PDB file of N, CA and C in Angstrom:
ATOM      1  N   UNK A   1     -77.965 -84.259  -2.940  1.00  0.00           N
ATOM      2  CA  UNK A   1     -78.970 -83.147  -2.651  1.00  0.00           C
ATOM      3  C   UNK A   1     -79.647 -83.455  -1.382  1.00  0.00           C
ATOM      4  N   UNK A   2     -79.966 -82.733  -0.488  1.00  0.00           N
ATOM      5  CA  UNK A   2     -80.678 -82.982   0.808  1.00  0.00           C
ATOM      6  C   UNK A   2     -81.885 -83.396   0.523  1.00  0.00           C
ATOM      7  N   UNK A   3     -82.711 -84.111   1.388  1.00  0.00           N
ATOM      8  CA  UNK A   3     -84.089 -84.522   1.122  1.00  0.00           C
ATOM      9  C   UNK A   3     -84.984 -83.357   2.081  1.00  0.00           C
ATOM     10  N   UNK A   4     -86.053 -83.177   1.756  1.00  0.00           N
ATOM     11  CA  UNK A   4     -86.705 -82.033   2.459  1.00  0.00           C
ATOM     12  C   UNK A   4     -87.890 -82.685   3.064  1.00  0.00           C
ATOM     13  N   UNK A   5     -87.946 -83.255   4.335  1.00  0.00           N
ATOM     14  CA  UNK A   5     -88.788 -84.156   5.342  1.00  0.00           C
ATOM     15  C   UNK A   5     -89.976 -83.144   5.636  1.00  0.00           C
ATOM     16  N   UNK A   6     -91.189 -83.481   5.555  1.00  0.00           N
ATOM     17  CA  UNK A   6     -92.260 -82.966   5.881  1.00  0.00           C
ATOM     18  C   UNK A   6     -93.205 -83.574   6.753  1.00  0.00           C
ATOM     19  N   UNK A   7     -94.149 -82.656   7.704  1.00  0.00           N
ATOM     20  CA  UNK A   7     -94.929 -83.613   8.470  1.00  0.00           C
ATOM     21  C   UNK A   7     -96.311 -82.537   8.462  1.00  0.00           C
ATOM     22  N   UNK A   8     -97.678 -83.137   8.396  1.00  0.00           N
ATOM     23  CA  UNK A   8     -98.562 -82.500   8.255  1.00  0.00           C
ATOM     24  C   UNK A   8     -99.717 -83.163   9.293  1.00  0.00           C
ATOM     25  N   UNK A   9    -100.159 -82.258  10.056  1.00  0.00           N
ATOM     26  CA  UNK A   9    -101.099 -82.731  11.231  1.00  0.00           C
ATOM     27  C   UNK A   9    -102.584 -82.138  11.038  1.00  0.00           C
ATOM     28  N   UNK A  10    -103.482 -83.290  11.374  1.00  0.00           N
ATOM     29  CA  UNK A  10    -104.912 -82.801  11.402  1.00  0.00           C
ATOM     30  C   UNK A  10    -105.372 -83.259  12.414  1.00  0.00           C
ATOM     31  N   UNK A  11    -106.384 -82.445  13.153  1.00  0.00           N
ATOM     32  CA  UNK A  11    -106.943 -82.643  14.631  1.00  0.00           C
ATOM     33  C   UNK A  11    -108.229 -82.697  14.131  1.00  0.00           C
ATOM     34  N   UNK A  12    -109.211 -83.714  14.994  1.00  0.00           N
ATOM     35  CA  UNK A  12    -110.637 -83.763  14.987  1.00  0.00           C
ATOM     36  C   UNK A  12    -111.329 -83.933  13.659  1.00  0.00           C
ATOM     37  N   UNK A  13    -110.509 -85.005  12.969  1.00  0.00           N
ATOM     38  CA  UNK A  13    -111.126 -85.198  11.630  1.00  0.00           C
ATOM     39  C   UNK A  13    -112.601 -86.095  11.847  1.00  0.00           C
ATOM     40  N   UNK A  14    -113.518 -85.877  10.981  1.00  0.00           N
ATOM     41  CA  UNK A  14    -114.842 -86.382  11.156  1.00  0.00           C
ATOM     42  C   UNK A  14    -115.448 -87.209  10.053  1.00  0.00           C
ATOM     43  N   UNK A  15    -116.836 -86.894   9.885  1.00  0.00           N
ATOM     44  CA  UNK A  15    -117.477 -87.739   8.656  1.00  0.00           C
ATOM     45  C   UNK A  15    -117.283 -86.764   7.525  1.00  0.00           C
ATOM     46  N   UNK A  16    -116.629 -85.782   7.264  1.00  0.00           N
ATOM     47  CA  UNK A  16    -116.325 -84.997   6.165  1.00  0.00           C
ATOM     48  C   UNK A  16    -114.942 -85.362   5.701  1.00  0.00           C
ATOM     49  N   UNK A  17    -114.470 -85.702   4.700  1.00  0.00           N
ATOM     50  CA  UNK A  17    -113.135 -86.056   3.928  1.00  0.00           C
ATOM     51  C   UNK A  17    -112.044 -84.988   4.362  1.00  0.00           C
ATOM     52  N   UNK A  18    -111.175 -85.334   4.844  1.00  0.00           N
ATOM     53  CA  UNK A  18    -110.151 -84.227   5.150  1.00  0.00           C
ATOM     54  C   UNK A  18    -108.869 -84.729   4.456  1.00  0.00           C
ATOM     55  N   UNK A  19    -108.321 -83.777   3.460  1.00  0.00           N
ATOM     56  CA  UNK A  19    -107.178 -84.007   2.377  1.00  0.00           C
ATOM     57  C   UNK A  19    -105.698 -83.485   3.148  1.00  0.00           C
ATOM     58  N   UNK A  20    -104.884 -84.380   2.661  1.00  0.00           N
ATOM     59  CA  UNK A  20    -103.609 -83.894   2.698  1.00  0.00           C
ATOM     60  C   UNK A  20    -102.946 -83.817   1.416  1.00  0.00           C
ATOM     61  N   UNK A  21    -102.114 -83.001   1.148  1.00  0.00           N
ATOM     62  CA  UNK A  21    -101.786 -81.835   2.160  1.00  0.00           C
ATOM     63  C   UNK A  21    -102.870 -80.693   1.994  1.00  0.00           C
ATOM     64  N   UNK A  22    -103.334 -80.613   3.143  1.00  0.00           N
ATOM     65  CA  UNK A  22    -104.081 -79.255   3.587  1.00  0.00           C
ATOM     66  C   UNK A  22    -105.227 -78.972   2.618  1.00  0.00           C
ATOM     67  N   UNK A  23    -105.994 -79.924   2.312  1.00  0.00           N
ATOM     68  CA  UNK A  23    -107.125 -79.763   1.296  1.00  0.00           C
ATOM     69  C   UNK A  23    -106.835 -79.495  -0.482  1.00  0.00           C
ATOM     70  N   UNK A  24    -105.654 -79.742  -0.546  1.00  0.00           N
ATOM     71  CA  UNK A  24    -105.207 -79.579  -2.288  1.00  0.00           C
ATOM     72  C   UNK A  24    -104.409 -81.028  -2.596  1.00  0.00           C
ATOM     73  N   UNK A  25    -103.717 -80.570  -3.659  1.00  0.00           N
ATOM     74  CA  UNK A  25    -103.129 -81.907  -4.353  1.00  0.00           C
ATOM     75  C   UNK A  25    -101.468 -81.792  -3.817  1.00  0.00           C
ATOM     76  N   UNK A  26    -100.698 -82.737  -3.842  1.00  0.00           N
ATOM     77  CA  UNK A  26     -99.541 -82.646  -3.874  1.00  0.00           C
ATOM     78  C   UNK A  26     -98.818 -82.041  -4.736  1.00  0.00           C
ATOM     79  N   UNK A  27     -97.703 -81.305  -4.611  1.00  0.00           N
ATOM     80  CA  UNK A  27     -96.959 -80.564  -5.699  1.00  0.00           C
ATOM     81  C   UNK A  27     -96.299 -81.175  -6.580  1.00  0.00           C
ATOM     82  N   UNK A  28     -95.875 -80.479  -7.931  1.00  0.00           N
ATOM     83  CA  UNK A  28     -95.071 -81.187  -8.779  1.00  0.00           C
ATOM     84  C   UNK A  28     -93.934 -82.063  -8.204  1.00  0.00           C
ATOM     85  N   UNK A  29     -93.791 -83.291  -8.679  1.00  0.00           N
ATOM     86  CA  UNK A  29     -92.570 -84.012  -8.313  1.00  0.00           C
ATOM     87  C   UNK A  29     -92.950 -85.293  -7.660  1.00  0.00           C
ATOM     88  N   UNK A  30     -92.044 -86.023  -7.365  1.00  0.00           N
ATOM     89  CA  UNK A  30     -92.459 -87.456  -6.515  1.00  0.00           C
ATOM     90  C   UNK A  30     -91.956 -87.318  -5.182  1.00  0.00           C
ATOM     91  N   UNK A  31     -93.178 -87.748  -4.327  1.00  0.00           N
ATOM     92  CA  UNK A  31     -92.991 -87.542  -2.875  1.00  0.00           C
ATOM     93  C   UNK A  31     -93.258 -88.858  -2.261  1.00  0.00           C
ATOM     94  N   UNK A  32     -92.573 -89.056  -1.137  1.00  0.00           N
ATOM     95  CA  UNK A  32     -92.965 -90.331  -0.655  1.00  0.00           C
ATOM     96  C   UNK A  32     -93.193 -90.425   0.908  1.00  0.00           C
ATOM     97  N   UNK A  33     -94.688 -90.952   1.247  1.00  0.00           N
ATOM     98  CA  UNK A  33     -95.087 -91.171   2.264  1.00  0.00           C
ATOM     99  C   UNK A  33     -94.314 -91.730   3.235  1.00  0.00           C
ATOM    100  N   UNK A  34     -93.877 -91.583   4.421  1.00  0.00           N
ATOM    101  CA  UNK A  34     -93.059 -92.481   5.066  1.00  0.00           C
ATOM    102  C   UNK A  34     -93.601 -93.088   6.598  1.00  0.00           C
ATOM    103  N   UNK A  35     -94.810 -92.200   6.737  1.00  0.00           N
ATOM    104  CA  UNK A  35     -95.538 -92.826   8.020  1.00  0.00           C
ATOM    105  C   UNK A  35     -96.995 -92.018   8.083  1.00  0.00           C
ATOM    106  N   UNK A  36     -97.808 -92.861   8.680  1.00  0.00           N
ATOM    107  CA  UNK A  36     -99.176 -92.243   8.760  1.00  0.00           C
ATOM    108  C   UNK A  36     -99.581 -92.925  10.158  1.00  0.00           C
ATOM    109  N   UNK A  37     -99.930 -91.660  11.023  1.00  0.00           N
ATOM    110  CA  UNK A  37    -100.414 -92.347  12.570  1.00  0.00           C
ATOM    111  C   UNK A  37    -101.645 -91.772  12.515  1.00  0.00           C
ATOM    112  N   UNK A  38    -102.566 -92.605  12.905  1.00  0.00           N
ATOM    113  CA  UNK A  38    -104.006 -92.116  13.276  1.00  0.00           C
ATOM    114  C   UNK A  38    -104.543 -92.672  14.637  1.00  0.00           C
ATOM    115  N   UNK A  39    -104.849 -91.625  15.414  1.00  0.00           N
ATOM    116  CA  UNK A  39    -105.460 -91.690  16.789  1.00  0.00           C
ATOM    117  C   UNK A  39    -106.828 -91.423  17.013  1.00  0.00           C
ATOM    118  N   UNK A  40    -107.677 -92.514  17.637  1.00  0.00           N
ATOM    119  CA  UNK A  40    -109.044 -92.001  18.334  1.00  0.00           C
ATOM    120  C   UNK A  40    -108.987 -91.556  19.408  1.00  0.00           C
ATOM    121  N   UNK A  41    -109.434 -90.253  19.295  1.00  0.00           N
ATOM    122  CA  UNK A  41    -109.391 -89.256  20.319  1.00  0.00           C
ATOM    123  C   UNK A  41    -110.822 -89.223  21.281  1.00  0.00           C
ATOM    124  N   UNK A  42    -111.579 -89.990  20.861  1.00  0.00           N
ATOM    125  CA  UNK A  42    -112.889 -90.037  21.315  1.00  0.00           C
ATOM    126  C   UNK A  42    -113.307 -91.347  22.399  1.00  0.00           C
ATOM    127  N   UNK A  43    -114.330 -91.191  23.128  1.00  0.00           N
ATOM    128  CA  UNK A  43    -114.550 -92.193  24.099  1.00  0.00           C
ATOM    129  C   UNK A  43    -115.240 -93.673  23.367  1.00  0.00           C
ATOM    130  N   UNK A  44    -115.402 -93.718  22.151  1.00  0.00           N
ATOM    131  CA  UNK A  44    -116.064 -94.701  21.606  1.00  0.00           C
ATOM    132  C   UNK A  44    -115.128 -95.086  20.282  1.00  0.00           C
ATOM    133  N   UNK A  45    -115.331 -96.572  19.838  1.00  0.00           N
ATOM    134  CA  UNK A  45    -114.721 -97.121  18.929  1.00  0.00           C
ATOM    135  C   UNK A  45    -115.122 -96.277  17.596  1.00  0.00           C
ATOM    136  N   UNK A  46    -114.067 -96.130  16.760  1.00  0.00           N
ATOM    137  CA  UNK A  46    -114.467 -95.228  15.297  1.00  0.00           C
ATOM    138  C   UNK A  46    -114.152 -96.326  14.219  1.00  0.00           C
ATOM    139  N   UNK A  47    -114.678 -96.131  12.999  1.00  0.00           N
ATOM    140  CA  UNK A  47    -114.159 -96.834  11.834  1.00  0.00           C
ATOM    141  C   UNK A  47    -113.702 -95.599  11.073  1.00  0.00           C
ATOM    142  N   UNK A  48    -112.521 -96.037  10.243  1.00  0.00           N
ATOM    143  CA  UNK A  48    -111.778 -95.093   9.549  1.00  0.00           C
ATOM    144  C   UNK A  48    -111.413 -95.477   8.434  1.00  0.00           C
ATOM    145  N   UNK A  49    -111.219 -94.648   7.171  1.00  0.00           N
ATOM    146  CA  UNK A  49    -110.646 -94.835   6.026  1.00  0.00           C
ATOM    147  C   UNK A  49    -109.582 -93.961   5.590  1.00  0.00           C
ATOM    148  N   UNK A  50    -108.456 -94.503   4.776  1.00  0.00           N
ATOM    149  CA  UNK A  50    -107.425 -93.598   4.426  1.00  0.00           C
ATOM    150  C   UNK A  50    -107.438 -94.146   2.943  1.00  0.00           C
ATOM    151  N   UNK A  51    -107.188 -93.054   2.002  1.00  0.00           N
ATOM    152  CA  UNK A  51    -106.783 -93.390   0.549  1.00  0.00           C
ATOM    153  C   UNK A  51    -106.324 -92.550  -0.085  1.00  0.00           C
ATOM    154  N   UNK A  52    -105.754 -92.677  -1.399  1.00  0.00           N
ATOM    155  CA  UNK A  52    -104.966 -91.553  -2.394  1.00  0.00           C
ATOM    156  C   UNK A  52    -106.099 -91.649  -3.482  1.00  0.00           C
ATOM    157  N   UNK A  53    -106.429 -90.251  -3.568  1.00  0.00           N
ATOM    158  CA  UNK A  53    -107.297 -89.887  -4.642  1.00  0.00           C
ATOM    159  C   UNK A  53    -106.359 -89.389  -5.717  1.00  0.00           C
ATOM    160  N   UNK A  54    -106.621 -90.117  -7.102  1.00  0.00           N
ATOM    161  CA  UNK A  54    -105.594 -89.771  -8.137  1.00  0.00           C
ATOM    162  C   UNK A  54    -106.473 -90.257  -9.195  1.00  0.00           C
ATOM    163  N   UNK A  55    -106.481 -89.282 -10.488  1.00  0.00           N
ATOM    164  CA  UNK A  55    -107.353 -89.449 -11.349  1.00  0.00           C
ATOM    165  C   UNK A  55    -108.560 -89.741 -11.453  1.00  0.00           C
ATOM    166  N   UNK A  56    -109.236 -89.071 -10.595  1.00  0.00           N
ATOM    167  CA  UNK A  56    -110.803 -89.194 -10.166  1.00  0.00           C
ATOM    168  C   UNK A  56    -111.099 -90.660  -9.737  1.00  0.00           C
ATOM    169  N   UNK A  57    -110.222 -91.293  -9.064  1.00  0.00           N
ATOM    170  CA  UNK A  57    -110.278 -92.592  -8.556  1.00  0.00           C
ATOM    171  C   UNK A  57    -109.908 -92.683  -7.049  1.00  0.00           C
ATOM    172  N   UNK A  58    -110.282 -93.639  -6.286  1.00  0.00           N
ATOM    173  CA  UNK A  58    -109.974 -93.822  -4.803  1.00  0.00           C
ATOM    174  C   UNK A  58    -109.158 -95.158  -4.774  1.00  0.00           C
ATOM    175  N   UNK A  59    -108.288 -95.135  -4.104  1.00  0.00           N
ATOM    176  CA  UNK A  59    -107.003 -96.260  -3.970  1.00  0.00           C
ATOM    177  C   UNK A  59    -106.647 -96.169  -2.458  1.00  0.00           C
ATOM    178  N   UNK A  60    -107.705 -97.133  -1.782  1.00  0.00           N
ATOM    179  CA  UNK A  60    -107.599 -97.489  -0.537  1.00  0.00           C
ATOM    180  C   UNK A  60    -106.175 -97.848   0.126  1.00  0.00           C
ATOM    181  N   UNK A  61    -105.834 -97.305   1.095  1.00  0.00           N
ATOM    182  CA  UNK A  61    -104.710 -97.954   1.958  1.00  0.00           C
ATOM    183  C   UNK A  61    -105.530 -98.571   3.401  1.00  0.00           C
ATOM    184  N   UNK A  62    -106.482 -97.941   3.759  1.00  0.00           N
ATOM    185  CA  UNK A  62    -107.169 -98.531   4.861  1.00  0.00           C
ATOM    186  C   UNK A  62    -108.646 -98.372   4.643  1.00  0.00           C
ATOM    187  N   UNK A  63    -109.457 -99.373   4.738  1.00  0.00           N
ATOM    188  CA  UNK A  63    -110.769 -99.500   4.399  1.00  0.00           C
ATOM    189  C   UNK A  63    -111.618 -99.842   5.596  1.00  0.00           C
ATOM    190  N   UNK A  64    -112.315 -98.946   6.068  1.00  0.00           N
ATOM    191  CA  UNK A  64    -113.391 -99.387   7.290  1.00  0.00           C
ATOM    192  C   UNK A  64    -112.498-100.068   8.596  1.00  0.00           C
ATOM    193  N   UNK A  65    -111.660 -99.573   8.927  1.00  0.00           N
ATOM    194  CA  UNK A  65    -110.871-100.047  10.017  1.00  0.00           C
ATOM    195  C   UNK A  65    -111.277 -99.547  11.426  1.00  0.00           C
ATOM    196  N   UNK A  66    -111.526-100.485  12.142  1.00  0.00           N
ATOM    197  CA  UNK A  66    -112.118 -99.913  13.567  1.00  0.00           C
ATOM    198  C   UNK A  66    -110.787 -99.756  14.483  1.00  0.00           C
ATOM    199  N   UNK A  67    -110.871 -98.394  14.972  1.00  0.00           N
ATOM    200  CA  UNK A  67    -109.839 -98.169  16.158  1.00  0.00           C
ATOM    201  C   UNK A  67    -110.688 -97.854  17.200  1.00  0.00           C
ATOM    202  N   UNK A  68    -110.233 -98.745  18.492  1.00  0.00           N
ATOM    203  CA  UNK A  68    -110.912 -98.548  19.656  1.00  0.00           C
ATOM    204  C   UNK A  68    -110.591 -97.112  20.384  1.00  0.00           C
ATOM    205  N   UNK A  69    -111.438 -96.771  21.238  1.00  0.00           N
ATOM    206  CA  UNK A  69    -111.378 -95.909  22.126  1.00  0.00           C
ATOM    207  C   UNK A  69    -109.956 -95.644  22.481  1.00  0.00           C
ATOM    208  N   UNK A  70    -109.275 -94.557  22.624  1.00  0.00           N
ATOM    209  CA  UNK A  70    -107.857 -94.060  23.277  1.00  0.00           C
ATOM    210  C   UNK A  70    -106.920 -95.040  22.685  1.00  0.00           C
ATOM    211  N   UNK A  71    -106.901 -95.660  21.264  1.00  0.00           N
ATOM    212  CA  UNK A  71    -105.919 -96.468  20.435  1.00  0.00           C
ATOM    213  C   UNK A  71    -105.737 -95.598  19.439  1.00  0.00           C
ATOM    214  N   UNK A  72    -104.492 -96.370  18.848  1.00  0.00           N
ATOM    215  CA  UNK A  72    -103.853 -95.611  17.584  1.00  0.00           C
ATOM    216  C   UNK A  72    -103.576 -96.666  16.580  1.00  0.00           C
ATOM    217  N   UNK A  73    -103.223 -96.355  15.399  1.00  0.00           N
ATOM    218  CA  UNK A  73    -102.773 -97.011  14.339  1.00  0.00           C
ATOM    219  C   UNK A  73    -101.696 -96.407  13.810  1.00  0.00           C
ATOM    220  N   UNK A  74    -100.620 -97.156  13.269  1.00  0.00           N
ATOM    221  CA  UNK A  74     -99.429 -96.447  12.425  1.00  0.00           C
ATOM    222  C   UNK A  74     -99.340 -97.269  11.311  1.00  0.00           C
ATOM    223  N   UNK A  75     -99.299 -96.837  10.024  1.00  0.00           N
ATOM    224  CA  UNK A  75     -99.055 -97.125   8.757  1.00  0.00           C
ATOM    225  C   UNK A  75     -97.761 -96.902   8.370  1.00  0.00           C
ATOM    226  N   UNK A  76     -96.670 -97.836   8.492  1.00  0.00           N
ATOM    227  CA  UNK A  76     -95.261 -97.686   8.153  1.00  0.00           C
ATOM    228  C   UNK A  76     -94.834 -98.117   6.851  1.00  0.00           C
ATOM    229  N   UNK A  77     -95.594 -98.373   6.004  1.00  0.00           N
ATOM    230  CA  UNK A  77     -94.976 -98.856   4.494  1.00  0.00           C
ATOM    231  C   UNK A  77     -95.000 -97.554   3.715  1.00  0.00           C
ATOM    232  N   UNK A  78     -93.989 -97.568   2.845  1.00  0.00           N
ATOM    233  CA  UNK A  78     -93.692 -96.163   2.085  1.00  0.00           C
ATOM    234  C   UNK A  78     -94.903 -96.429   1.035  1.00  0.00           C
ATOM    235  N   UNK A  79     -95.290 -95.140   0.602  1.00  0.00           N
ATOM    236  CA  UNK A  79     -96.203 -94.803  -0.588  1.00  0.00           C
ATOM    237  C   UNK A  79     -95.673 -93.533  -1.372  1.00  0.00           C
ATOM    238  N   UNK A  80     -95.564 -93.930  -2.682  1.00  0.00           N
ATOM    239  CA  UNK A  80     -95.102 -92.830  -3.520  1.00  0.00           C
ATOM    240  C   UNK A  80     -96.279 -92.086  -4.061  1.00  0.00           C
ATOM    241  N   UNK A  81     -96.227 -90.827  -3.934  1.00  0.00           N
ATOM    242  CA  UNK A  81     -97.635 -90.108  -4.235  1.00  0.00           C
ATOM    243  C   UNK A  81     -96.846 -89.202  -5.450  1.00  0.00           C
ATOM    244  N   UNK A  82     -97.776 -88.630  -6.237  1.00  0.00           N
ATOM    245  CA  UNK A  82     -97.386 -87.948  -7.546  1.00  0.00           C
ATOM    246  C   UNK A  82     -98.045 -86.375  -7.436  1.00  0.00           C
ATOM    247  N   UNK A  83     -97.701 -85.407  -8.385  1.00  0.00           N
ATOM    248  CA  UNK A  83     -98.398 -84.290  -8.399  1.00  0.00           C
ATOM    249  C   UNK A  83     -99.820 -84.417  -8.898  1.00  0.00           C
ATOM    250  N   UNK A  84    -100.786 -83.704  -8.127  1.00  0.00           N
ATOM    251  CA  UNK A  84    -102.044 -83.992  -8.260  1.00  0.00           C
ATOM    252  C   UNK A  84    -102.836 -85.074  -7.518  1.00  0.00           C
ATOM    253  N   UNK A  85    -102.048 -85.912  -6.669  1.00  0.00           N
ATOM    254  CA  UNK A  85    -102.718 -86.929  -5.869  1.00  0.00           C
ATOM    255  C   UNK A  85    -103.112 -86.273  -4.417  1.00  0.00           C
ATOM    256  N   UNK A  86    -103.965 -86.661  -3.965  1.00  0.00           N
ATOM    257  CA  UNK A  86    -104.476 -86.198  -2.554  1.00  0.00           C
ATOM    258  C   UNK A  86    -104.465 -87.502  -1.729  1.00  0.00           C
ATOM    259  N   UNK A  87    -104.162 -87.304  -0.272  1.00  0.00           N
ATOM    260  CA  UNK A  87    -104.215 -88.278   0.614  1.00  0.00           C
ATOM    261  C   UNK A  87    -105.334 -87.963   1.460  1.00  0.00           C
ATOM    262  N   UNK A  88    -106.566 -88.837   1.509  1.00  0.00           N
ATOM    263  CA  UNK A  88    -107.750 -88.437   2.379  1.00  0.00           C
ATOM    264  C   UNK A  88    -108.034 -89.386   3.349  1.00  0.00           C
ATOM    265  N   UNK A  89    -108.769 -88.752   4.427  1.00  0.00           N
ATOM    266  CA  UNK A  89    -108.857 -89.446   5.748  1.00  0.00           C
ATOM    267  C   UNK A  89    -110.535 -88.958   5.989  1.00  0.00           C
ATOM    268  N   UNK A  90    -111.249 -90.250   6.516  1.00  0.00           N
ATOM    269  CA  UNK A  90    -112.521 -89.819   7.135  1.00  0.00           C
ATOM    270  C   UNK A  90    -112.591 -90.870   8.313  1.00  0.00           C
ATOM    271  N   UNK A  91    -113.746 -90.170   9.247  1.00  0.00           N
ATOM    272  CA  UNK A  91    -114.001 -91.281  10.367  1.00  0.00           C
ATOM    273  C   UNK A  91    -115.427 -91.376  10.330  1.00  0.00           C
ATOM    274  N   UNK A  92    -115.853 -92.322  11.109  1.00  0.00           N
ATOM    275  CA  UNK A  92    -117.243 -92.633  11.199  1.00  0.00           C
ATOM    276  C   UNK A  92    -117.993 -91.680  12.020  1.00  0.00           C
ATOM    277  N   UNK A  93    -117.162 -90.908  12.834  1.00  0.00           N
ATOM    278  CA  UNK A  93    -118.006 -90.122  13.712  1.00  0.00           C
ATOM    279  C   UNK A  93    -117.329 -88.701  13.799  1.00  0.00           C
ATOM    280  N   UNK A  94    -117.808 -87.580  14.217  1.00  0.00           N
ATOM    281  CA  UNK A  94    -117.413 -86.224  14.310  1.00  0.00           C
ATOM    282  C   UNK A  94    -116.344 -86.096  15.085  1.00  0.00           C
ATOM    283  N   UNK A  95    -115.520 -85.382  14.924  1.00  0.00           N
ATOM    284  CA  UNK A  95    -114.273 -84.820  15.719  1.00  0.00           C
ATOM    285  C   UNK A  95    -113.602 -85.903  16.481  1.00  0.00           C
ATOM    286  N   UNK A  96    -113.215 -86.990  15.668  1.00  0.00           N
ATOM    287  CA  UNK A  96    -112.560 -88.371  16.626  1.00  0.00           C
ATOM    288  C   UNK A  96    -111.241 -88.672  16.108  1.00  0.00           C
ATOM    289  N   UNK A  97    -110.896 -88.380  14.957  1.00  0.00           N
ATOM    290  CA  UNK A  97    -109.432 -88.719  14.577  1.00  0.00           C
ATOM    291  C   UNK A  97    -108.464 -87.586  14.318  1.00  0.00           C
ATOM    292  N   UNK A  98    -107.356 -88.000  14.935  1.00  0.00           N
ATOM    293  CA  UNK A  98    -106.192 -87.130  14.722  1.00  0.00           C
ATOM    294  C   UNK A  98    -105.182 -87.857  13.750  1.00  0.00           C
ATOM    295  N   UNK A  99    -104.542 -87.280  12.987  1.00  0.00           N
ATOM    296  CA  UNK A  99    -103.670 -87.773  11.803  1.00  0.00           C
ATOM    297  C   UNK A  99    -102.535 -87.111  11.790  1.00  0.00           C
ATOM    298  N   UNK A 100    -101.159 -87.601  11.713  1.00  0.00           N
ATOM    299  CA  UNK A 100     -99.974 -86.985  11.558  1.00  0.00           C
ATOM    300  C   UNK A 100     -99.446 -87.998  10.302  1.00  0.00           C
ATOM    301  N   UNK A 101     -99.158 -87.016   9.185  1.00  0.00           N
ATOM    302  CA  UNK A 101     -98.457 -87.541   8.142  1.00  0.00           C
ATOM    303  C   UNK A 101     -96.893 -87.334   7.679  1.00  0.00           C
ATOM    304  N   UNK A 102     -96.117 -88.138   7.721  1.00  0.00           N
ATOM    305  CA  UNK A 102     -94.806 -87.618   7.567  1.00  0.00           C
ATOM    306  C   UNK A 102     -94.411 -88.142   6.190  1.00  0.00           C
ATOM    307  N   UNK A 103     -93.979 -87.203   5.297  1.00  0.00           N
ATOM    308  CA  UNK A 103     -93.321 -87.693   3.898  1.00  0.00           C
ATOM    309  C   UNK A 103     -92.113 -86.830   3.542  1.00  0.00           C
ATOM    310  N   UNK A 104     -91.439 -87.251   2.654  1.00  0.00           N
ATOM    311  CA  UNK A 104     -90.192 -86.569   1.888  1.00  0.00           C
ATOM    312  C   UNK A 104     -90.797 -86.050   0.782  1.00  0.00           C
ATOM    313  N   UNK A 105     -90.406 -84.677   0.448  1.00  0.00           N
ATOM    314  CA  UNK A 105     -90.910 -83.887  -0.354  1.00  0.00           C
ATOM    315  C   UNK A 105     -90.078 -83.862  -1.657  1.00  0.00           C
ATOM    316  N   UNK A 106     -90.426 -84.197  -2.766  1.00  0.00           N
ATOM    317  CA  UNK A 106     -89.501 -84.100  -3.857  1.00  0.00           C
ATOM    318  C   UNK A 106     -88.263 -84.765  -3.926  1.00  0.00           C
ATOM    319  N   UNK A 107     -88.411 -86.091  -3.973  1.00  0.00           N
ATOM    320  CA  UNK A 107     -87.418 -87.093  -3.867  1.00  0.00           C
ATOM    321  C   UNK A 107     -86.463 -87.085  -5.038  1.00  0.00           C
ATOM    322  N   UNK A 108     -85.046 -86.950  -4.716  1.00  0.00           N
ATOM    323  CA  UNK A 108     -84.175 -86.721  -5.966  1.00  0.00           C
ATOM    324  C   UNK A 108     -83.682 -88.025  -6.557  1.00  0.00           C
ATOM    325  N   UNK A 109     -83.300 -88.124  -7.428  1.00  0.00           N
ATOM    326  CA  UNK A 109     -82.937 -89.090  -8.258  1.00  0.00           C
ATOM    327  C   UNK A 109     -81.288 -89.276  -8.149  1.00  0.00           C
TER     328      UNK A 109
END
């Protein structure tokens, strides 16, 4: 069975949590995040966090990491997410973080 590769992009994330996929939960099935790219698009350093929200709890992938001005960070370790999980991002300043998440939807067994 062919795998369904997906990519979600969010621009100008700030001090309000932004969820992947698109403010909702991942759909039914097993999905594997294969890459998270975060870029600071501001003139100042920012502090960012990324976490999976599952069963009313936060599981941090990155917690309060500083990204210098004009720099980026790539997280390339695989993360399996399930139906109902959300991947959330937040920055310490408004309109400062661009994120690209790549994942494989509905991994086949």
